[in-house]
Amino acid sequence: MHRHLKIAAAAALSQILLADGAVAETRTLYVGMNGGNFERTYTQVFADFEKQNDVKVFVVPGTSSDILAKALAAKDKPQMHLMFLDDGVMVRAIGMGLCDKLKAGPELDQLQSGSRLKDDRAAGIDIGMTGLGYNKKLFDEKGWAPPTSWMDLADPKFRDAVVFQSASASTFGLHAFLMFNRIQGGSESDVEPGFSKFRDTIGKNVLEFISSSAKLSEMVQTGEAALFPLTPTAVTTMQEKGIPVAYAQPKEGSVVLMVAECVIANNSEPELAQKLAAYLLSAQAQSKALAVGNVVPSNTTVTATTPEAEKKLADFHTFMQNAVTLDWDIINARRPEWNSCWNKMIER
């Protein structure tokens, strides 16, 4: 009997050690991305991949600039496996040698035109655009018609009621500035018209320059913010929280804003990271991201699963009809110079 107890105990210990080993073998992936809605959305999207691959995916939250800085600082020994960056920042990351080429697969061939970047070093997972957001409650109270143009930001009736994201820190702000510059006769190669005219037009109406859009919800609810650059996705997310905002597509066109993913070069789990990247481009993952987080799919085979999601897709296709794509190679080459000019001439 004593011998049988010893055998049973040994078997039990063996099972415990096996179980502990299984736990120890569960691998971890770290993905850098914007916090807030993106983090909430993809925490849910990752769940299916985690179950199927016995892996835990953690989000490293931060702005695109924050994530790029982290990846660059750890270039020789990456701490992250994937990163999501705004398209312009992603082009910079590719140029710095931070991104591995994405593994070929059917998902890449299903993407929207223009979603595959620089020899497939990155690919879009969220296609959006920057246009105008406005405080619908305030507009209704004042009897104002919805905005129709980027130049509405310079309308005197919005004096001290425009909130503008800093063009040196925010893609939304940079987009709005570059569209204003185009209207003034400039281009990405010539921003002098924008810099020379901004302060006496839009600048006169700006209540506050903000580094990100995080403060907008509060400023809308207090009635301080009437008009601001924003995306339809961000507007929808705010609406779902009961914040009285609406989106307007400028007649001159919105600006295409794509969030792209890349697999970080020299990461510790290259095969698993590539597998996660492919999953995130799939119709399965992007359909879920659309449903739970208003993330507009880059995969053209995604179908809406709810009437709300169907409307989002329809609106997206309408807005894309006159959306403008910027030249990020020119922008990135001159961005430090522009940032300096912005900080000295606009936000001084």
Protein backbone atom coordinates (compact mmCIF):
# COMPACT_ATOMS: atom_id res chain seq x y z
CA MET A 1 0.00 0.00 0.00
CA HIS A 2 2.83 2.31 0.95
CA ARG A 3 4.47 1.60 -2.43
CA HIS A 4 1.22 2.41 -4.25
CA LEU A 5 1.00 5.74 -2.41
CA LYS A 6 4.55 6.54 -3.50
CA ILE A 7 3.70 5.75 -7.12
CA ALA A 8 0.53 7.89 -6.94
CA ALA A 9 2.44 10.76 -5.38
CA ALA A 10 5.11 10.56 -8.05
CA ALA A 11 2.46 10.56 -10.78
CA ALA A 12 0.75 13.58 -9.22
CA LEU A 13 4.06 15.42 -8.97
CA SER A 14 4.77 14.58 -12.59
CA GLN A 15 1.42 16.07 -13.63
CA ILE A 16 2.11 19.22 -11.64
CA LEU A 17 5.54 19.60 -13.25
CA LEU A 18 4.03 19.06 -16.69
CA ALA A 19 1.37 21.64 -15.96
CA ASP A 20 3.98 24.09 -14.73
CA GLY A 21 6.00 23.44 -17.85
CA ALA A 22 2.97 24.13 -20.03
CA VAL A 23 2.44 27.43 -18.27
CA ALA A 24 6.10 28.30 -18.66
CA GLU A 25 5.88 27.57 -22.39
CA THR A 26 3.11 30.11 -22.95
CA ARG A 27 4.81 32.76 -25.02
CA THR A 28 4.33 36.52 -24.89
CA LEU A 29 4.07 39.14 -27.61
CA TYR A 30 4.18 42.90 -27.08
CA VAL A 31 2.42 45.26 -29.48
CA GLY A 32 2.98 49.02 -29.41
CA MET A 33 -0.08 51.09 -30.34
CA ASN A 34 -2.21 54.06 -29.40
CA GLY A 35 -4.02 53.64 -26.10
CA GLY A 36 -7.69 54.44 -25.56
CA ASN A 37 -10.09 53.00 -28.14
CA PHE A 38 -7.36 51.18 -30.07
CA GLU A 39 -6.11 49.39 -26.98
CA ARG A 40 -9.65 48.48 -25.87
CA THR A 41 -10.52 47.20 -29.34
CA TYR A 42 -7.45 45.10 -29.98
CA THR A 43 -7.42 43.59 -26.51
CA GLN A 44 -10.66 41.93 -27.65
CA VAL A 45 -9.37 41.15 -31.16
CA PHE A 46 -6.25 39.46 -29.77
CA ALA A 47 -8.33 37.05 -27.66
CA ASP A 48 -9.03 34.55 -30.48
CA PHE A 49 -5.37 34.52 -31.54
CA GLU A 50 -4.25 33.99 -27.95
CA LYS A 51 -6.49 30.93 -27.54
CA GLN A 52 -5.48 29.40 -30.86
CA ASN A 53 -1.75 29.87 -30.34
CA ASP A 54 -1.26 29.55 -26.57
CA VAL A 55 0.17 33.05 -26.40
CA LYS A 56 -0.49 36.18 -24.39
CA VAL A 57 -0.49 39.51 -26.25
CA PHE A 58 0.21 42.67 -24.25
CA VAL A 59 -0.35 46.23 -25.45
CA VAL A 60 2.37 48.84 -25.00
CA PRO A 61 0.31 52.06 -25.20
CA GLY A 62 1.54 55.38 -26.57
CA THR A 63 1.27 57.80 -29.47
CA SER A 64 2.88 56.84 -32.78
CA SER A 65 5.84 59.08 -31.95
CA ASP A 66 6.19 57.45 -28.50
CA ILE A 67 6.13 53.93 -29.94
CA LEU A 68 8.62 54.82 -32.67
CA ALA A 69 11.00 56.27 -30.07
CA LYS A 70 10.74 53.09 -27.96
CA ALA A 71 11.41 50.88 -30.99
CA LEU A 72 14.38 52.96 -32.07
CA ALA A 73 15.90 53.01 -28.57
CA ALA A 74 15.73 49.19 -28.42
CA LYS A 75 16.67 48.58 -32.06
CA ASP A 76 19.49 46.16 -31.23
CA LYS A 77 17.39 44.16 -28.75
CA PRO A 78 13.68 44.89 -29.40
CA GLN A 79 11.28 44.79 -26.47
CA MET A 80 8.22 44.81 -28.77
CA HIS A 81 7.25 42.41 -31.53
CA LEU A 82 4.76 44.45 -33.57
CA MET A 83 3.86 48.13 -33.68
CA PHE A 84 0.94 50.12 -35.02
CA LEU A 85 1.86 53.59 -36.31
CA ASP A 86 0.16 56.34 -38.28
CA ASP A 87 1.14 56.00 -41.94
CA GLY A 88 3.56 58.93 -42.03
CA VAL A 89 5.37 57.75 -38.91
CA MET A 90 5.45 54.20 -40.26
CA VAL A 91 7.22 55.39 -43.42
CA ARG A 92 9.89 56.87 -41.13
CA ALA A 93 10.15 53.59 -39.17
CA ILE A 94 10.69 51.63 -42.39
CA GLY A 95 13.40 54.08 -43.43
CA MET A 96 15.14 53.49 -40.09
CA GLY A 97 15.28 49.75 -40.74
CA LEU A 98 12.88 48.89 -37.90
CA CYS A 99 10.45 46.72 -39.88
CA ASP A 100 10.77 43.21 -41.26
CA LYS A 101 9.10 42.39 -44.55
CA LEU A 102 5.65 40.91 -43.97
CA LYS A 103 5.34 37.26 -44.89
CA ALA A 104 3.43 36.69 -48.13
CA GLY A 105 -0.11 35.42 -47.67
CA PRO A 106 -3.68 35.77 -48.94
CA GLU A 107 -4.45 38.58 -46.48
CA LEU A 108 -1.98 40.94 -48.18
CA ASP A 109 -3.68 40.42 -51.53
CA GLN A 110 -7.06 41.31 -50.02
CA LEU A 111 -6.04 44.79 -48.86
CA GLN A 112 -7.27 48.13 -50.16
CA SER A 113 -5.14 49.71 -52.85
CA GLY A 114 -2.36 51.74 -51.27
CA SER A 115 -2.45 49.80 -47.99
CA ARG A 116 0.83 47.96 -48.58
CA LEU A 117 3.85 50.12 -47.77
CA LYS A 118 7.43 50.07 -49.01
CA ASP A 119 8.03 46.52 -50.31
CA ASP A 120 5.52 45.10 -47.78
CA ARG A 121 7.53 46.30 -44.78
CA ALA A 122 4.16 47.40 -43.31
CA ALA A 123 0.48 47.23 -44.16
CA GLY A 124 -2.62 49.17 -43.17
CA ILE A 125 -5.00 47.70 -40.62
CA ASP A 126 -7.25 50.77 -40.25
CA ILE A 127 -8.17 53.13 -43.08
CA GLY A 128 -9.59 56.46 -42.07
CA MET A 129 -9.44 60.14 -42.81
CA THR A 130 -9.07 63.45 -41.02
CA GLY A 131 -11.88 65.91 -41.56
CA LEU A 132 -13.82 68.21 -39.25
CA GLY A 133 -15.47 67.33 -35.97
CA TYR A 134 -17.90 69.75 -34.39
CA ASN A 135 -19.91 70.26 -31.22
CA LYS A 136 -23.43 69.44 -32.44
CA LYS A 137 -25.11 70.63 -29.25
CA LEU A 138 -23.42 74.03 -29.49
CA PHE A 139 -24.10 74.30 -33.23
CA ASP A 140 -27.78 73.54 -32.67
CA GLU A 141 -28.05 76.07 -29.84
CA LYS A 142 -26.40 78.79 -31.95
CA GLY A 143 -28.34 77.91 -35.10
CA TRP A 144 -25.09 77.33 -37.01
CA ALA A 145 -25.10 75.18 -40.16
CA PRO A 146 -22.68 72.23 -40.13
CA PRO A 147 -19.19 73.07 -41.43
CA THR A 148 -18.42 72.34 -45.08
CA SER A 149 -14.83 73.54 -45.57
CA TRP A 150 -11.43 73.58 -43.90
CA MET A 151 -11.71 77.37 -44.08
CA ASP A 152 -14.62 77.24 -41.62
CA LEU A 153 -11.85 76.98 -39.01
CA ALA A 154 -11.11 80.65 -39.86
CA ASP A 155 -14.74 81.85 -39.67
CA PRO A 156 -14.89 84.78 -37.17
CA LYS A 157 -17.95 83.31 -35.47
CA PHE A 158 -15.71 80.57 -34.08
CA ARG A 159 -13.38 83.03 -32.33
CA ASP A 160 -11.90 81.29 -29.25
CA ALA A 161 -13.91 78.15 -30.05
CA VAL A 162 -11.52 76.26 -32.37
CA VAL A 163 -9.36 73.58 -30.78
CA PHE A 164 -6.42 72.66 -32.97
CA GLN A 165 -4.01 69.77 -32.48
CA SER A 166 -0.37 70.85 -32.65
CA ALA A 167 0.99 70.13 -36.12
CA SER A 168 4.39 69.38 -34.60
CA ALA A 169 2.95 66.61 -32.39
CA SER A 170 -0.29 65.39 -33.96
CA THR A 171 -1.13 63.85 -37.34
CA PHE A 172 -4.62 65.42 -37.14
CA GLY A 173 -3.11 68.88 -36.71
CA LEU A 174 -0.56 68.33 -39.46
CA HIS A 175 -3.29 67.14 -41.84
CA ALA A 176 -5.42 70.22 -41.16
CA PHE A 177 -2.46 72.56 -41.58
CA LEU A 178 -1.42 70.98 -44.88
CA MET A 179 -4.97 71.22 -46.26
CA PHE A 180 -5.08 74.89 -45.24
CA ASN A 181 -1.70 75.31 -46.95
CA ARG A 182 -3.06 73.73 -50.16
CA ILE A 183 -6.07 76.05 -50.12
CA GLN A 184 -3.65 78.98 -49.83
CA GLY A 185 -1.82 77.80 -52.95
CA GLY A 186 0.90 75.68 -51.32
CA SER A 187 1.86 72.02 -51.48
CA GLU A 188 3.91 69.55 -49.47
CA SER A 189 6.94 70.98 -51.29
CA ASP A 190 5.97 74.57 -50.45
CA VAL A 191 4.49 75.31 -47.02
CA GLU A 192 5.30 79.02 -46.98
CA PRO A 193 1.69 80.03 -47.83
CA GLY A 194 0.38 78.06 -44.86
CA PHE A 195 2.90 79.38 -42.35
CA SER A 196 2.56 82.98 -43.50
CA LYS A 197 -1.25 83.05 -43.33
CA PHE A 198 -2.20 80.69 -40.50
CA ARG A 199 -1.83 83.05 -37.54
CA ASP A 200 -4.08 85.74 -39.05
CA THR A 201 -6.79 83.30 -40.13
CA ILE A 202 -7.33 80.02 -38.26
CA GLY A 203 -4.85 81.03 -35.57
CA LYS A 204 -7.04 83.95 -34.47
CA ASN A 205 -9.85 81.52 -33.62
CA VAL A 206 -7.81 78.94 -31.72
CA LEU A 207 -8.71 78.66 -28.05
CA GLU A 208 -6.00 76.09 -27.36
CA PHE A 209 -3.39 74.06 -29.22
CA ILE A 210 -3.36 70.52 -27.84
CA SER A 211 -0.73 67.80 -28.29
CA SER A 212 -3.32 65.04 -28.80
CA SER A 213 -7.10 64.69 -28.98
CA ALA A 214 -7.45 63.31 -25.45
CA LYS A 215 -8.79 66.62 -24.07
CA LEU A 216 -11.45 67.07 -26.74
CA SER A 217 -14.17 65.08 -25.01
CA GLU A 218 -13.98 67.27 -21.93
CA MET A 219 -13.78 70.50 -23.95
CA VAL A 220 -16.84 69.56 -25.99
CA GLN A 221 -18.84 68.75 -22.87
CA THR A 222 -17.92 72.06 -21.23
CA GLY A 223 -18.89 73.93 -24.41
CA GLU A 224 -15.37 75.28 -24.98
CA ALA A 225 -14.68 73.42 -28.23
CA ALA A 226 -16.92 74.12 -31.21
CA LEU A 227 -14.81 72.99 -34.17
CA PHE A 228 -11.69 70.81 -34.50
CA PRO A 229 -9.85 68.43 -36.87
CA LEU A 230 -10.94 64.84 -36.21
CA THR A 231 -11.66 61.48 -37.82
CA PRO A 232 -15.07 59.84 -38.33
CA THR A 233 -13.90 56.93 -36.15
CA ALA A 234 -13.00 59.22 -33.26
CA VAL A 235 -16.31 61.04 -33.66
CA THR A 236 -18.26 57.77 -33.55
CA THR A 237 -16.37 56.64 -30.46
CA MET A 238 -17.23 59.91 -28.70
CA GLN A 239 -20.88 59.65 -29.77
CA GLU A 240 -21.10 56.19 -28.21
CA LYS A 241 -20.08 57.79 -24.91
CA GLY A 242 -22.92 60.30 -25.20
CA ILE A 243 -20.72 63.23 -26.24
CA PRO A 244 -22.61 65.53 -28.67
CA VAL A 245 -20.26 65.59 -31.66
CA ALA A 246 -20.68 65.08 -35.40
CA TYR A 247 -18.38 64.67 -38.39
CA ALA A 248 -18.30 66.86 -41.50
CA GLN A 249 -16.46 66.03 -44.73
CA PRO A 250 -14.76 69.19 -46.06
CA LYS A 251 -15.57 70.00 -49.67
CA GLU A 252 -11.83 70.24 -50.42
CA GLY A 253 -11.49 66.63 -49.23
CA SER A 254 -10.47 64.87 -46.06
CA VAL A 255 -6.93 63.50 -45.66
CA VAL A 256 -6.35 59.76 -45.77
CA LEU A 257 -5.10 58.55 -42.39
CA MET A 258 -4.01 54.94 -42.27
CA VAL A 259 -2.81 53.09 -39.20
CA ALA A 260 -0.32 50.46 -40.33
CA GLU A 261 1.29 47.49 -38.62
CA CYS A 262 4.82 46.21 -38.95
CA VAL A 263 6.73 43.29 -37.51
CA ILE A 264 9.71 44.74 -35.66
CA ALA A 265 13.04 43.58 -37.07
CA ASN A 266 15.19 41.26 -34.91
CA ASN A 267 12.37 40.58 -32.43
CA SER A 268 12.55 37.51 -30.20
CA GLU A 269 9.56 35.69 -31.76
CA PRO A 270 9.79 36.33 -35.52
CA GLU A 271 7.54 33.47 -36.69
CA LEU A 272 4.83 34.07 -34.09
CA ALA A 273 4.96 37.82 -34.70
CA GLN A 274 4.46 37.25 -38.45
CA LYS A 275 1.54 34.95 -37.65
CA LEU A 276 -0.10 37.64 -35.50
CA ALA A 277 0.48 40.26 -38.22
CA ALA A 278 -1.25 38.04 -40.80
CA TYR A 279 -4.16 37.41 -38.43
CA LEU A 280 -4.65 41.15 -37.87
CA LEU A 281 -4.94 41.67 -41.63
CA SER A 282 -7.53 38.90 -41.95
CA ALA A 283 -11.24 39.45 -42.51
CA GLN A 284 -11.96 37.65 -39.22
CA ALA A 285 -9.89 40.05 -37.10
CA GLN A 286 -10.87 43.20 -38.97
CA SER A 287 -14.57 42.38 -38.88
CA LYS A 288 -14.33 42.11 -35.09
CA ALA A 289 -12.34 45.38 -34.87
CA LEU A 290 -15.05 47.13 -36.89
CA ALA A 291 -17.83 45.74 -34.70
CA VAL A 292 -16.28 46.43 -31.30
CA GLY A 293 -14.18 49.53 -31.96
CA ASN A 294 -15.26 51.33 -35.16
CA VAL A 295 -11.91 50.43 -36.77
CA VAL A 296 -12.45 50.70 -40.54
CA PRO A 297 -11.04 47.62 -42.31
CA SER A 298 -8.27 47.65 -44.89
CA ASN A 299 -9.24 44.11 -45.95
CA THR A 300 -11.74 44.46 -48.81
CA THR A 301 -13.43 41.12 -48.06
CA VAL A 302 -14.73 42.28 -44.66
CA THR A 303 -18.51 42.38 -44.43
CA ALA A 304 -20.45 44.23 -41.78
CA THR A 305 -22.11 42.10 -39.11
CA THR A 306 -24.53 44.73 -37.79
CA PRO A 307 -26.58 47.58 -39.30
CA GLU A 308 -24.35 50.05 -37.43
CA ALA A 309 -21.19 48.53 -38.92
CA GLU A 310 -22.80 48.50 -42.38
CA LYS A 311 -23.46 52.25 -42.10
CA LYS A 312 -19.86 52.89 -41.02
CA LEU A 313 -18.59 51.09 -44.13
CA ALA A 314 -21.00 52.99 -46.39
CA ASP A 315 -19.94 56.33 -44.87
CA PHE A 316 -16.29 55.38 -45.27
CA HIS A 317 -16.66 54.68 -48.98
CA THR A 318 -18.48 58.01 -49.43
CA PHE A 319 -15.78 59.97 -47.61
CA MET A 320 -13.03 58.25 -49.61
CA GLN A 321 -14.42 59.64 -52.87
CA ASN A 322 -12.59 62.96 -52.43
CA ALA A 323 -10.01 62.02 -49.81
CA VAL A 324 -6.49 63.36 -50.36
CA THR A 325 -3.32 61.28 -50.01
CA LEU A 326 -0.24 63.22 -48.89
CA ASP A 327 3.36 62.69 -50.00
CA TRP A 328 4.97 61.33 -46.83
CA ASP A 329 8.44 61.07 -48.33
CA ILE A 330 8.50 64.85 -48.77
CA ILE A 331 6.80 65.44 -45.41
CA ASN A 332 9.20 63.26 -43.43
CA ALA A 333 12.24 64.81 -45.08
CA ARG A 334 11.12 68.30 -44.02
CA ARG A 335 9.19 67.57 -40.84
CA PRO A 336 11.91 68.69 -38.37
CA GLU A 337 12.13 72.05 -40.14
CA TRP A 338 8.33 72.41 -40.13
CA ASN A 339 8.13 71.49 -36.44
CA SER A 340 10.60 74.21 -35.62
CA CYS A 341 8.68 76.77 -37.70
CA TRP A 342 5.39 75.71 -36.11
CA ASN A 343 6.71 76.05 -32.58
CA LYS A 344 8.30 79.45 -33.29
CA MET A 345 5.66 81.02 -35.53
CA ILE A 346 2.33 79.45 -34.53
CA GLU A 347 2.44 78.26 -30.93
CA ARG A 348 4.94 80.76 -29.58
